[in-house]
C-alpha atoms as a PDB file:
ATOM      1  CA  MET A   1      74.525  43.493  32.163  1.00  0.00           C
ATOM      2  CA  ARG A   2      74.785  42.889  35.706  1.00  0.00           C
ATOM      3  CA  ARG A   3      75.696  46.514  36.119  1.00  0.00           C
ATOM      4  CA  PHE A   4      72.564  47.350  34.087  1.00  0.00           C
ATOM      5  CA  LEU A   5      70.581  45.497  36.413  1.00  0.00           C
ATOM      6  CA  ARG A   6      71.576  46.631  39.082  1.00  0.00           C
ATOM      7  CA  TRP A   7      71.773  50.514  38.244  1.00  0.00           C
ATOM      8  CA  ALA A   8      68.295  49.486  36.911  1.00  0.00           C
ATOM      9  CA  GLY A   9      67.083  48.126  40.375  1.00  0.00           C
ATOM     10  CA  ALA A  10      68.594  51.247  42.248  1.00  0.00           C
ATOM     11  CA  ALA A  11      66.596  53.843  39.687  1.00  0.00           C
ATOM     12  CA  LEU A  12      63.353  51.782  40.496  1.00  0.00           C
ATOM     13  CA  LEU A  13      63.667  51.659  44.211  1.00  0.00           C
ATOM     14  CA  PRO A  14      62.538  54.782  45.215  1.00  0.00           C
ATOM     15  CA  GLY A  15      59.499  54.491  43.091  1.00  0.00           C
ATOM     16  CA  VAL A  16      58.894  51.132  44.542  1.00  0.00           C
ATOM     17  CA  LEU A  17      58.738  52.489  48.139  1.00  0.00           C
ATOM     18  CA  LEU A  18      56.734  55.278  47.137  1.00  0.00           C
ATOM     19  CA  ALA A  19      54.074  53.243  45.809  1.00  0.00           C
ATOM     20  CA  ILE A  20      54.321  51.066  49.115  1.00  0.00           C
ATOM     21  CA  VAL A  21      53.865  53.962  51.143  1.00  0.00           C
ATOM     22  CA  TYR A  22      50.982  55.288  49.060  1.00  0.00           C
ATOM     23  CA  VAL A  23      49.062  51.930  49.470  1.00  0.00           C
ATOM     24  CA  ALA A  24      49.880  51.663  52.924  1.00  0.00           C
ATOM     25  CA  VAL A  25      48.488  55.176  54.074  1.00  0.00           C
ATOM     26  CA  GLN A  26      45.389  55.360  51.613  1.00  0.00           C
ATOM     27  CA  ILE A  27      44.251  51.847  53.204  1.00  0.00           C
ATOM     28  CA  GLN A  28      44.030  53.394  56.372  1.00  0.00           C
ATOM     29  CA  ARG A  29      42.287  56.806  55.340  1.00  0.00           C
ATOM     30  CA  ARG A  30      38.693  56.466  54.863  1.00  0.00           C
ATOM     31  CA  PRO A  31      36.042  59.644  54.258  1.00  0.00           C
ATOM     32  CA  PRO A  32      34.140  60.526  57.431  1.00  0.00           C
ATOM     33  CA  LEU A  33      30.373  59.817  57.517  1.00  0.00           C
ATOM     34  CA  GLU A  34      29.592  62.221  59.889  1.00  0.00           C
ATOM     35  CA  PRO A  35      28.813  65.200  57.300  1.00  0.00           C
ATOM     36  CA  TYR A  36      26.306  63.217  55.479  1.00  0.00           C
ATOM     37  CA  ARG A  37      24.244  61.789  59.024  1.00  0.00           C
ATOM     38  CA  ALA A  38      21.577  64.168  58.786  1.00  0.00           C
ATOM     39  CA  LEU A  39      20.636  62.229  55.489  1.00  0.00           C
ATOM     40  CA  THR A  40      19.614  59.739  57.227  1.00  0.00           C
ATOM     41  CA  LEU A  41      16.390  58.354  57.028  1.00  0.00           C
ATOM     42  CA  PRO A  42      14.650  58.123  60.237  1.00  0.00           C
ATOM     43  CA  GLU A  43      13.353  54.435  61.910  1.00  0.00           C
ATOM     44  CA  ALA A  44       9.891  53.851  61.219  1.00  0.00           C
ATOM     45  CA  ALA A  45       8.145  51.160  63.564  1.00  0.00           C
ATOM     46  CA  PRO A  46       6.753  48.124  61.322  1.00  0.00           C
ATOM     47  CA  ALA A  47       3.227  48.098  60.545  1.00  0.00           C
ATOM     48  CA  PRO A  48       0.607  45.659  59.578  1.00  0.00           C
ATOM     49  CA  GLY A  49       0.951  45.844  56.054  1.00  0.00           C
ATOM     50  CA  GLU A  50       3.165  48.605  55.462  1.00  0.00           C
ATOM     51  CA  LEU A  51       6.597  48.112  53.938  1.00  0.00           C
ATOM     52  CA  ARG A  52       9.708  48.466  56.062  1.00  0.00           C
ATOM     53  CA  VAL A  53      13.155  48.208  54.662  1.00  0.00           C
ATOM     54  CA  ARG A  54      16.409  47.258  56.932  1.00  0.00           C
ATOM     55  CA  PHE A  55      19.766  47.858  55.701  1.00  0.00           C
ATOM     56  CA  ALA A  56      22.786  45.668  56.943  1.00  0.00           C
ATOM     57  CA  GLY A  57      25.595  46.845  55.000  1.00  0.00           C
ATOM     58  CA  VAL A  58      26.785  46.545  50.923  1.00  0.00           C
ATOM     59  CA  SER A  59      23.438  45.642  49.185  1.00  0.00           C
ATOM     60  CA  THR A  60      22.172  43.357  51.851  1.00  0.00           C
ATOM     61  CA  LEU A  61      18.360  44.951  52.279  1.00  0.00           C
ATOM     62  CA  LEU A  62      15.520  43.383  54.253  1.00  0.00           C
ATOM     63  CA  PHE A  63      12.205  43.923  52.593  1.00  0.00           C
ATOM     64  CA  ASP A  64       9.363  43.282  54.981  1.00  0.00           C
ATOM     65  CA  ASP A  65       5.688  44.215  55.130  1.00  0.00           C
ATOM     66  CA  GLY A  66       4.053  42.104  58.164  1.00  0.00           C
ATOM     67  CA  GLU A  67       2.998  39.221  55.903  1.00  0.00           C
ATOM     68  CA  THR A  68       6.172  38.248  53.583  1.00  0.00           C
ATOM     69  CA  ALA A  69       9.842  38.941  54.147  1.00  0.00           C
ATOM     70  CA  TRP A  70      12.720  38.709  51.689  1.00  0.00           C
ATOM     71  CA  MET A  71      16.321  39.558  51.107  1.00  0.00           C
ATOM     72  CA  THR A  72      19.096  40.703  48.982  1.00  0.00           C
ATOM     73  CA  ASP A  73      22.396  38.978  49.263  1.00  0.00           C
ATOM     74  CA  GLY A  74      22.284  38.481  53.180  1.00  0.00           C
ATOM     75  CA  PHE A  75      26.198  38.809  53.385  1.00  0.00           C
ATOM     76  CA  PHE A  76      26.943  39.113  56.697  1.00  0.00           C
ATOM     77  CA  SER A  77      30.170  36.989  57.346  1.00  0.00           C
ATOM     78  CA  ARG A  78      32.780  39.850  55.831  1.00  0.00           C
ATOM     79  CA  PRO A  79      35.892  37.939  55.973  1.00  0.00           C
ATOM     80  CA  GLY A  80      39.045  40.266  56.898  1.00  0.00           C
ATOM     81  CA  LEU A  81      41.309  42.189  54.019  1.00  0.00           C
ATOM     82  CA  LYS A  82      44.069  40.123  54.873  1.00  0.00           C
ATOM     83  CA  GLN A  83      42.310  36.719  54.734  1.00  0.00           C
ATOM     84  CA  THR A  84      40.315  37.867  51.423  1.00  0.00           C
ATOM     85  CA  PHE A  85      43.276  38.480  49.801  1.00  0.00           C
ATOM     86  CA  THR A  86      45.772  36.040  51.037  1.00  0.00           C
ATOM     87  CA  SER A  87      43.645  32.903  51.907  1.00  0.00           C
ATOM     88  CA  ARG A  88      40.472  31.290  51.920  1.00  0.00           C
ATOM     89  CA  ILE A  89      36.916  32.477  52.535  1.00  0.00           C
ATOM     90  CA  ALA A  90      33.792  30.351  54.032  1.00  0.00           C
ATOM     91  CA  PRO A  91      30.673  31.607  55.282  1.00  0.00           C
ATOM     92  CA  ASP A  92      30.497  32.027  59.164  1.00  0.00           C
ATOM     93  CA  ALA A  93      27.618  30.407  60.540  1.00  0.00           C
ATOM     94  CA  GLN A  94      28.071  31.890  64.038  1.00  0.00           C
ATOM     95  CA  VAL A  95      28.087  35.581  62.563  1.00  0.00           C
ATOM     96  CA  ILE A  96      25.018  34.415  60.091  1.00  0.00           C
ATOM     97  CA  GLU A  97      23.094  33.542  63.114  1.00  0.00           C
ATOM     98  CA  ARG A  98      23.946  36.424  65.390  1.00  0.00           C
ATOM     99  CA  GLU A  99      23.067  38.914  62.399  1.00  0.00           C
ATOM    100  CA  LEU A 100      19.720  37.286  61.610  1.00  0.00           C
ATOM    101  CA  GLN A 101      18.648  37.601  64.934  1.00  0.00           C
ATOM    102  CA  ARG A 102      19.941  41.231  65.056  1.00  0.00           C
ATOM    103  CA  LEU A 103      17.424  41.859  62.042  1.00  0.00           C
ATOM    104  CA  HIS A 104      14.276  39.723  63.926  1.00  0.00           C
ATOM    105  CA  VAL A 105      14.557  37.299  60.922  1.00  0.00           C
ATOM    106  CA  GLY A 106      12.590  34.059  61.293  1.00  0.00           C
ATOM    107  CA  LYS A 107      11.398  32.906  58.029  1.00  0.00           C
ATOM    108  CA  LEU A 108      12.330  34.410  54.597  1.00  0.00           C
ATOM    109  CA  ALA A 109      10.521  33.966  51.279  1.00  0.00           C
ATOM    110  CA  ALA A 110      13.720  34.313  49.023  1.00  0.00           C
ATOM    111  CA  VAL A 111      16.969  35.485  49.747  1.00  0.00           C
ATOM    112  CA  VAL A 112      18.505  37.220  46.248  1.00  0.00           C
ATOM    113  CA  PRO A 113      21.782  37.767  45.574  1.00  0.00           C
ATOM    114  CA  VAL A 114      22.365  40.908  42.754  1.00  0.00           C
ATOM    115  CA  HIS A 115      25.360  39.210  41.646  1.00  0.00           C
ATOM    116  CA  SER A 116      27.602  36.083  42.406  1.00  0.00           C
ATOM    117  CA  HIS A 117      30.534  37.760  43.595  1.00  0.00           C
ATOM    118  CA  TYR A 118      31.576  36.917  47.422  1.00  0.00           C
ATOM    119  CA  ASP A 119      30.679  39.971  48.751  1.00  0.00           C
ATOM    120  CA  HIS A 120      27.308  39.254  47.892  1.00  0.00           C
ATOM    121  CA  ALA A 121      26.411  35.709  47.635  1.00  0.00           C
ATOM    122  CA  LEU A 122      28.792  34.186  50.278  1.00  0.00           C
ATOM    123  CA  ASP A 123      26.297  33.737  53.069  1.00  0.00           C
ATOM    124  CA  ALA A 124      23.159  33.655  50.817  1.00  0.00           C
ATOM    125  CA  PRO A 125      22.943  29.657  50.911  1.00  0.00           C
ATOM    126  CA  VAL A 126      23.323  29.981  54.742  1.00  0.00           C
ATOM    127  CA  VAL A 127      20.675  32.193  54.764  1.00  0.00           C
ATOM    128  CA  ALA A 128      18.203  30.207  52.797  1.00  0.00           C
ATOM    129  CA  GLN A 129      18.921  27.056  55.062  1.00  0.00           C
ATOM    130  CA  ARG A 130      18.317  29.187  58.322  1.00  0.00           C
ATOM    131  CA  SER A 131      15.086  30.833  57.306  1.00  0.00           C
ATOM    132  CA  GLY A 132      13.814  28.194  54.856  1.00  0.00           C
ATOM    133  CA  ALA A 133      14.108  30.671  52.062  1.00  0.00           C
ATOM    134  CA  LEU A 134      14.246  29.926  48.000  1.00  0.00           C
ATOM    135  CA  LEU A 135      17.419  31.230  46.897  1.00  0.00           C
ATOM    136  CA  VAL A 136      16.927  32.707  43.702  1.00  0.00           C
ATOM    137  CA  GLY A 137      19.679  33.911  41.233  1.00  0.00           C
ATOM    138  CA  SER A 138      21.756  32.894  38.111  1.00  0.00           C
ATOM    139  CA  ALA A 139      23.215  29.814  37.448  1.00  0.00           C
ATOM    140  CA  SER A 140      26.154  30.859  39.293  1.00  0.00           C
ATOM    141  CA  THR A 141      24.324  31.649  42.322  1.00  0.00           C
ATOM    142  CA  LEU A 142      22.717  27.994  42.348  1.00  0.00           C
ATOM    143  CA  ASN A 143      26.042  26.692  42.151  1.00  0.00           C
ATOM    144  CA  ILE A 144      27.218  28.610  44.763  1.00  0.00           C
ATOM    145  CA  GLY A 145      23.840  26.702  47.147  1.00  0.00           C
ATOM    146  CA  ARG A 146      25.176  23.574  45.470  1.00  0.00           C
ATOM    147  CA  GLY A 147      28.639  23.655  46.974  1.00  0.00           C
ATOM    148  CA  LEU A 148      26.878  24.181  50.632  1.00  0.00           C
ATOM    149  CA  GLY A 149      24.591  21.411  49.703  1.00  0.00           C
ATOM    150  CA  LEU A 150      21.233  23.235  49.442  1.00  0.00           C
ATOM    151  CA  ARG A 151      18.243  21.322  47.952  1.00  0.00           C
ATOM    152  CA  GLU A 152      17.304  22.050  44.453  1.00  0.00           C
ATOM    153  CA  SER A 153      14.093  22.486  45.659  1.00  0.00           C
ATOM    154  CA  GLN A 154      15.277  25.067  47.345  1.00  0.00           C
ATOM    155  CA  MET A 155      16.766  27.162  44.922  1.00  0.00           C
ATOM    156  CA  ARG A 156      15.253  28.700  41.591  1.00  0.00           C
ATOM    157  CA  GLU A 157      16.965  30.157  38.463  1.00  0.00           C
ATOM    158  CA  VAL A 158      16.062  33.208  37.175  1.00  0.00           C
ATOM    159  CA  ARG A 159      16.812  34.918  33.486  1.00  0.00           C
ATOM    160  CA  PRO A 160      16.410  38.627  32.204  1.00  0.00           C
ATOM    161  CA  GLY A 161      13.115  39.592  32.349  1.00  0.00           C
ATOM    162  CA  ASP A 162      11.788  37.045  34.583  1.00  0.00           C
ATOM    163  CA  THR A 163       9.617  37.927  37.090  1.00  0.00           C
ATOM    164  CA  LEU A 164       9.079  36.489  41.187  1.00  0.00           C
ATOM    165  CA  ARG A 165       5.819  37.007  43.182  1.00  0.00           C
ATOM    166  CA  LEU A 166       6.346  36.872  46.880  1.00  0.00           C
ATOM    167  CA  GLY A 167       3.320  37.666  48.723  1.00  0.00           C
ATOM    168  CA  LYS A 168       2.358  41.265  47.811  1.00  0.00           C
ATOM    169  CA  PHE A 169       5.978  41.786  46.122  1.00  0.00           C
ATOM    170  CA  THR A 170       6.669  41.653  42.363  1.00  0.00           C
ATOM    171  CA  ILE A 171      10.533  41.208  41.571  1.00  0.00           C
ATOM    172  CA  THR A 172      11.537  41.493  37.970  1.00  0.00           C
ATOM    173  CA  PHE A 173      15.293  40.687  36.912  1.00  0.00           C
ATOM    174  CA  ILE A 174      16.466  43.135  34.448  1.00  0.00           C
ATOM    175  CA  GLU A 175      19.701  42.464  33.213  1.00  0.00           C
ATOM    176  CA  SER A 176      22.941  44.593  34.203  1.00  0.00           C
ATOM    177  CA  ARG A 177      26.606  45.009  34.385  1.00  0.00           C
ATOM    178  CA  HIS A 178      29.159  45.244  37.327  1.00  0.00           C
ATOM    179  CA  SER A 179      30.427  48.810  37.736  1.00  0.00           C
ATOM    180  CA  PRO A 180      34.164  48.483  35.998  1.00  0.00           C
ATOM    181  CA  THR A 181      37.126  47.769  38.051  1.00  0.00           C
ATOM    182  CA  PRO A 182      40.902  46.818  37.642  1.00  0.00           C
ATOM    183  CA  LEU A 183      39.858  42.983  38.207  1.00  0.00           C
ATOM    184  CA  ASN A 184      36.363  43.575  36.198  1.00  0.00           C
ATOM    185  CA  ASP A 185      35.966  45.267  33.111  1.00  0.00           C
ATOM    186  CA  GLY A 186      32.086  45.536  33.918  1.00  0.00           C
ATOM    187  CA  VAL A 187      30.956  43.576  30.203  1.00  0.00           C
ATOM    188  CA  THR A 188      32.825  40.236  30.267  1.00  0.00           C
ATOM    189  CA  ARG A 189      30.480  37.701  32.481  1.00  0.00           C
ATOM    190  CA  GLU A 190      32.585  35.657  34.329  1.00  0.00           C
ATOM    191  CA  THR A 191      30.456  32.675  35.389  1.00  0.00           C
ATOM    192  CA  ILE A 192      30.740  29.830  38.467  1.00  0.00           C
ATOM    193  CA  ASP A 193      29.869  26.247  36.103  1.00  0.00           C
ATOM    194  CA  ALA A 194      30.358  23.986  39.076  1.00  0.00           C
ATOM    195  CA  PRO A 195      29.260  23.588  42.575  1.00  0.00           C
ATOM    196  CA  LEU A 196      31.587  25.972  44.577  1.00  0.00           C
ATOM    197  CA  THR A 197      32.368  24.544  48.052  1.00  0.00           C
ATOM    198  CA  PRO A 198      34.307  26.813  50.808  1.00  0.00           C
ATOM    199  CA  PRO A 199      36.724  27.561  51.607  1.00  0.00           C
ATOM    200  CA  ALA A 200      37.839  28.940  48.623  1.00  0.00           C
ATOM    201  CA  ARG A 201      39.223  32.083  47.167  1.00  0.00           C
ATOM    202  CA  ALA A 202      37.433  35.233  47.104  1.00  0.00           C
ATOM    203  CA  THR A 203      37.731  35.515  43.216  1.00  0.00           C
ATOM    204  CA  ASP A 204      36.415  31.888  42.691  1.00  0.00           C
ATOM    205  CA  TRP A 205      32.955  33.752  43.596  1.00  0.00           C
ATOM    206  CA  ARG A 206      32.920  34.882  39.920  1.00  0.00           C
ATOM    207  CA  THR A 207      30.400  37.782  38.678  1.00  0.00           C
ATOM    208  CA  GLY A 208      27.943  35.280  36.621  1.00  0.00           C
ATOM    209  CA  SER A 209      24.956  37.653  35.736  1.00  0.00           C
ATOM    210  CA  VAL A 210      24.381  41.073  37.600  1.00  0.00           C
ATOM    211  CA  TRP A 211      20.822  42.379  38.055  1.00  0.00           C
ATOM    212  CA  SER A 212      18.977  45.488  38.551  1.00  0.00           C
ATOM    213  CA  LEU A 213      15.702  44.505  40.774  1.00  0.00           C
ATOM    214  CA  LEU A 214      12.491  46.036  39.839  1.00  0.00           C
ATOM    215  CA  VAL A 215      10.404  45.584  42.978  1.00  0.00           C
ATOM    216  CA  GLU A 216       6.656  46.404  42.832  1.00  0.00           C
ATOM    217  CA  HIS A 217       4.418  46.669  46.187  1.00  0.00           C
ATOM    218  CA  GLU A 218       0.885  47.568  46.625  1.00  0.00           C
ATOM    219  CA  GLY A 219       1.063  49.683  43.246  1.00  0.00           C
ATOM    220  CA  ARG A 220       4.930  51.543  44.685  1.00  0.00           C
ATOM    221  CA  ARG A 221       7.893  50.563  42.884  1.00  0.00           C
ATOM    222  CA  LEU A 222      11.293  50.579  43.987  1.00  0.00           C
ATOM    223  CA  LEU A 223      14.844  49.678  42.324  1.00  0.00           C
ATOM    224  CA  VAL A 224      17.641  47.544  43.742  1.00  0.00           C
ATOM    225  CA  GLN A 225      20.923  48.840  41.727  1.00  0.00           C
ATOM    226  CA  GLY A 226      23.258  46.598  43.684  1.00  0.00           C
ATOM    227  CA  SER A 227      26.537  47.414  41.591  1.00  0.00           C
ATOM    228  CA  SER A 228      27.312  50.947  40.111  1.00  0.00           C
ATOM    229  CA  GLY A 229      27.075  49.247  36.524  1.00  0.00           C
ATOM    230  CA  PHE A 230      24.502  49.659  34.096  1.00  0.00           C
ATOM    231  CA  VAL A 231      23.497  48.356  30.781  1.00  0.00           C
ATOM    232  CA  PRO A 232      22.432  51.716  28.748  1.00  0.00           C
ATOM    233  CA  GLY A 233      18.912  51.564  27.646  1.00  0.00           C
ATOM    234  CA  ALA A 234      17.877  48.639  29.686  1.00  0.00           C
ATOM    235  CA  LEU A 235      15.655  50.543  32.469  1.00  0.00           C
ATOM    236  CA  ALA A 236      14.221  52.656  29.364  1.00  0.00           C
ATOM    237  CA  GLY A 237      10.417  52.573  29.993  1.00  0.00           C
ATOM    238  CA  ARG A 238      10.516  51.486  33.617  1.00  0.00           C
ATOM    239  CA  ARG A 239       9.495  53.213  36.756  1.00  0.00           C
ATOM    240  CA  ALA A 240      10.457  53.474  40.443  1.00  0.00           C
ATOM    241  CA  ASP A 241       9.731  55.822  42.889  1.00  0.00           C
ATOM    242  CA  VAL A 242      12.915  54.741  45.153  1.00  0.00           C
ATOM    243  CA  VAL A 243      16.286  53.693  43.979  1.00  0.00           C
ATOM    244  CA  PHE A 244      19.237  52.101  46.302  1.00  0.00           C
ATOM    245  CA  LEU A 245      21.776  52.965  44.532  1.00  0.00           C
ATOM    246  CA  GLY A 246      25.122  50.734  44.621  1.00  0.00           C
ATOM    247  CA  VAL A 247      28.035  53.599  44.495  1.00  0.00           C
ATOM    248  CA  GLY A 248      30.804  51.131  45.254  1.00  0.00           C
ATOM    249  CA  THR A 249      33.932  52.512  43.206  1.00  0.00           C
ATOM    250  CA  LEU A 250      31.757  55.555  41.736  1.00  0.00           C
ATOM    251  CA  GLY A 251      34.417  57.967  43.625  1.00  0.00           C
ATOM    252  CA  LYS A 252      37.127  56.640  41.537  1.00  0.00           C
ATOM    253  CA  LYS A 253      35.142  57.175  38.247  1.00  0.00           C
ATOM    254  CA  SER A 254      35.209  60.139  35.672  1.00  0.00           C
ATOM    255  CA  ASP A 255      32.692  62.759  35.942  1.00  0.00           C
ATOM    256  CA  ALA A 256      31.265  61.474  32.387  1.00  0.00           C
ATOM    257  CA  TYR A 257      31.052  57.986  33.628  1.00  0.00           C
ATOM    258  CA  ARG A 258      28.880  59.227  36.873  1.00  0.00           C
ATOM    259  CA  ALA A 259      26.355  61.121  34.789  1.00  0.00           C
ATOM    260  CA  SER A 260      25.837  58.332  32.618  1.00  0.00           C
ATOM    261  CA  TYR A 261      25.180  56.268  35.471  1.00  0.00           C
ATOM    262  CA  TRP A 262      22.721  58.673  36.987  1.00  0.00           C
ATOM    263  CA  ASN A 263      21.089  59.349  34.170  1.00  0.00           C
ATOM    264  CA  GLU A 264      20.575  55.405  32.990  1.00  0.00           C
ATOM    265  CA  VAL A 265      19.725  54.486  36.553  1.00  0.00           C
ATOM    266  CA  VAL A 266      17.760  57.319  38.554  1.00  0.00           C
ATOM    267  CA  LYS A 267      16.587  59.878  36.150  1.00  0.00           C
ATOM    268  CA  SER A 268      15.669  56.655  33.476  1.00  0.00           C
ATOM    269  CA  VAL A 269      13.269  55.315  35.980  1.00  0.00           C
ATOM    270  CA  GLY A 270      11.769  58.896  37.418  1.00  0.00           C
ATOM    271  CA  ALA A 271      12.828  58.281  40.653  1.00  0.00           C
ATOM    272  CA  ARG A 272      12.424  60.666  43.389  1.00  0.00           C
ATOM    273  CA  ARG A 273      14.428  59.082  46.291  1.00  0.00           C
ATOM    274  CA  VAL A 274      17.633  57.602  45.984  1.00  0.00           C
ATOM    275  CA  ILE A 275      19.393  55.918  48.651  1.00  0.00           C
ATOM    276  CA  PRO A 276      23.140  55.105  48.248  1.00  0.00           C
ATOM    277  CA  VAL A 277      23.829  51.278  49.146  1.00  0.00           C
ATOM    278  CA  HIS A 278      27.434  49.516  48.843  1.00  0.00           C
ATOM    279  CA  TRP A 279      29.745  52.107  49.938  1.00  0.00           C
ATOM    280  CA  ASP A 280      31.324  50.410  53.081  1.00  0.00           C
ATOM    281  CA  ASP A 281      34.038  48.754  54.161  1.00  0.00           C
ATOM    282  CA  PHE A 282      33.253  44.981  53.894  1.00  0.00           C
ATOM    283  CA  TRP A 283      36.358  44.179  55.327  1.00  0.00           C
ATOM    284  CA  LEU A 284      35.093  45.328  58.545  1.00  0.00           C
ATOM    285  CA  PRO A 285      32.827  43.229  60.969  1.00  0.00           C
ATOM    286  CA  LEU A 286      29.380  44.496  61.476  1.00  0.00           C
ATOM    287  CA  SER A 287      29.613  43.910  65.317  1.00  0.00           C
ATOM    288  CA  GLU A 288      31.434  47.988  64.556  1.00  0.00           C
ATOM    289  CA  PRO A 289      29.826  50.959  63.128  1.00  0.00           C
ATOM    290  CA  LEU A 290      29.883  51.042  59.268  1.00  0.00           C
ATOM    291  CA  GLN A 291      33.036  53.244  57.969  1.00  0.00           C
ATOM    292  CA  ALA A 292      33.156  54.233  54.171  1.00  0.00           C
ATOM    293  CA  MET A 293      35.717  51.816  51.965  1.00  0.00           C
ATOM    294  CA  PRO A 294      39.571  52.927  52.277  1.00  0.00           C
ATOM    295  CA  LEU A 295      40.453  55.534  49.930  1.00  0.00           C
ATOM    296  CA  LEU A 296      42.893  52.929  48.015  1.00  0.00           C
ATOM    297  CA  PHE A 297      39.654  51.701  46.547  1.00  0.00           C
ATOM    298  CA  ASP A 298      36.910  54.360  46.627  1.00  0.00           C
ATOM    299  CA  ASP A 299      35.923  57.748  47.438  1.00  0.00           C
ATOM    300  CA  PHE A 300      32.893  58.019  49.215  1.00  0.00           C
ATOM    301  CA  GLY A 301      33.180  61.725  49.680  1.00  0.00           C
ATOM    302  CA  VAL A 302      33.544  62.277  45.847  1.00  0.00           C
ATOM    303  CA  SER A 303      30.511  60.064  45.401  1.00  0.00           C
ATOM    304  CA  MET A 304      28.203  61.866  47.670  1.00  0.00           C
ATOM    305  CA  THR A 305      29.383  65.344  46.728  1.00  0.00           C
ATOM    306  CA  ASP A 306      28.329  64.273  42.842  1.00  0.00           C
ATOM    307  CA  LEU A 307      25.576  62.573  43.817  1.00  0.00           C
ATOM    308  CA  SER A 308      23.950  65.935  46.173  1.00  0.00           C
ATOM    309  CA  ARG A 309      24.862  67.994  42.692  1.00  0.00           C
ATOM    310  CA  ARG A 310      22.668  65.933  40.580  1.00  0.00           C
ATOM    311  CA  ALA A 311      20.019  65.390  43.285  1.00  0.00           C
ATOM    312  CA  ALA A 312      19.579  68.660  43.783  1.00  0.00           C
ATOM    313  CA  GLN A 313      19.677  69.723  40.015  1.00  0.00           C
ATOM    314  CA  ASP A 314      16.803  67.481  39.268  1.00  0.00           C
ATOM    315  CA  GLY A 315      14.708  67.548  42.171  1.00  0.00           C
ATOM    316  CA  VAL A 316      15.498  64.046  43.840  1.00  0.00           C
ATOM    317  CA  GLU A 317      15.786  63.497  47.121  1.00  0.00           C
ATOM    318  CA  LEU A 318      18.966  62.161  48.892  1.00  0.00           C
ATOM    319  CA  ARG A 319      18.914  59.986  51.806  1.00  0.00           C
ATOM    320  CA  LEU A 320      21.091  57.465  53.556  1.00  0.00           C
ATOM    321  CA  PRO A 321      19.617  54.559  55.018  1.00  0.00           C
ATOM    322  CA  PRO A 322      20.228  53.493  59.230  1.00  0.00           C
ATOM    323  CA  THR A 323      21.761  50.429  59.896  1.00  0.00           C
ATOM    324  CA  PHE A 324      19.800  47.521  61.142  1.00  0.00           C
ATOM    325  CA  LEU A 325      16.946  49.888  61.773  1.00  0.00           C
ATOM    326  CA  PRO A 326      13.407  49.791  60.011  1.00  0.00           C
ATOM    327  CA  PHE A 327      12.642  52.647  57.691  1.00  0.00           C
ATOM    328  CA  ALA A 328       9.878  53.398  55.172  1.00  0.00           C
ATOM    329  CA  PRO A 329      11.197  53.991  52.037  1.00  0.00           C
ATOM    330  CA  PHE A 330       8.477  55.632  50.244  1.00  0.00           C
ATOM    331  CA  ALA A 331       7.012  58.056  53.224  1.00  0.00           C
ATOM    332  CA  PRO A 332       8.150  61.757  53.274  1.00  0.00           C
ATOM    333  CA  ALA A 333      10.965  62.588  55.525  1.00  0.00           C
ATOM    334  CA  ALA A 334      11.256  65.657  57.435  1.00  0.00           C
ATOM    335  CA  PRO A 335      13.940  67.663  55.416  1.00  0.00           C
ATOM    336  CA  ALA A 336      17.353  66.931  56.228  1.00  0.00           C
ATOM    337  CA  ALA A 337      19.502  69.398  58.521  1.00  0.00           C
ATOM    338  CA  PRO A 338      21.734  71.747  56.571  1.00  0.00           C
END
C-alpha cells in the first residue's frame, strides 16, 4: 500500500506542479484595455437638471441631476487579493472618504447595492453614514448595515417589484440572479440572517437578493444590471434606452450563455446603448488606473469581442464609461474611432 501511495504521489506531482504554474501565470496576465480606449464616453460637465453619471469601478455608479444624487454599491475599500482569500476584510474609512471626495459627493439620497457580496455592499453602510443616505436593499443588505451600527431609520428593505422615488428618479427593483461561478450557481440564494460585523471573511457577505434596477428620470430609462446573471423573462415588457451591463465572468461563459444574456437583458428592453461595468480587477486600489480582471478569473477581451459583434448585429452602441468623470448616459456621442 505504501508503495502504491508513493507511486500515485509521484504520478500526480507533475500535474499538481503544472496546475500551480498555470495559476501563478494566469493570475498575473490581464487583457489590455488599450484596444477599447476609443469607446470611452466623453466627459460632460454637470448642468442643472441634466443627468450625469460617474463610474468608480465594479458596479459603483453615481447618478446626479444637480438636485438629487444617489449611488449604486459605493464599493471603494477594495481589499487586496491575498487579504480577501486568506484573512478578514472590513471597510477602510480613509479610502472611502478619499474616493467620495474624488467623486465630489456631499449628500446622497440613497446608496443601493445591487446585491450583498462584499464587492458591492462592503462599504455601503459607511457611505450612507458619511453622506446621510438611505441604505436600500434586501434583508441581507440591511444586516450589513446593522453590523456597522446604521440606524433602522436610515435603512429601507425592498422586495421584487418595489419602487423608490428619489427626487426626479424612480427606481424599480426587479429580481435577477448572480452570474454562475464555481462559488455560486447563480440560482441558490444565500442570505445574511444576522447583523454582519466586520472584520469578517469575504464569504460572509452572501448574495442576498440580486437586483436589476430600472431607473427612470424625466421620461428616459436606463437599466443597471450589476451582475451577469439573469432570470429568463424577468425584463419582458420593460424598456430602457441605456443598459449598464455587468460583464464579470462573462468572458468565461459559453457562447450560448452570452447569447441568452444579451437577448434577455439588452434586446429585451430595446436598449440603444450598452455600457459594460464590473470588468475591472477589484483587488487593486482605486488610486491606480483600472485594469481588467486577471485571466484566471475572466477574459475581458472575449467579452468585448462578443459584445461588439452582437452590438453591431443589433444596431446597439457599445461604449465604456470614463473613470470618476461625469458623463451623459443618454446624449449622442461622436462616432468611436476605428
